[in-house]
């Protein structure tokens, strides 16, 4: 007999978590092996169907776990296009371009910095696109820490465009808080490193 439930906790390093049935009762232990490599990395909040077998010490555990094939409600017209642009999202890139232009006029940073921003933004954009596709299909996801590192490395403009275009990570408050922190840190580091004080630590070849 198969049951349905939602993954309430998941320890990715140790490969186990717990499923909770809407009918109530104790949470059911589930090991990574019970997924059989299907559906990618489990995500907290994801719905699954599963069978139950007795585990060690009589403890119930799930087996033959599969993503639940629930019928998704038809998306409203408003949710089909890009995410709405908030004030920060709308002005972040234009303000950075102005900042970059001012820094260029004052201190003439090497063109390699612009290249780093362009390449990192492209990589971040592609990473978001892949993660969005994986989320839609219930497959293995890109870690949020990886997305934040890409933003911190200068890819935040591409990440921001991807968030808005794909409606991905654009409404998750915790993620957005960390994302904007990486943006502020990156821009501050850019200005500091391009200033006369920061350029003292650059290699003499630059």
Foldseek 3Di string as FASTA:
>chain_A
DKAKFFFADADPVQAKGWTAGPVDDDTAIEGNVQCVQPLADDDGGFMWMFDWDQDPPRGIHTHVIDGDPDDDDDDDPQPPFFADADPCLVCVVVVLVVVVVVLCVPQNDDCVVVVQLVVLQVVLLVLLVVQLVSVVSSHHHDDLVVSLVSLLSNNLVSNSVNCGGSVGPVPDVVSVVSNVVSSVNNSVVVSQCRDPVNVVPPPPVD
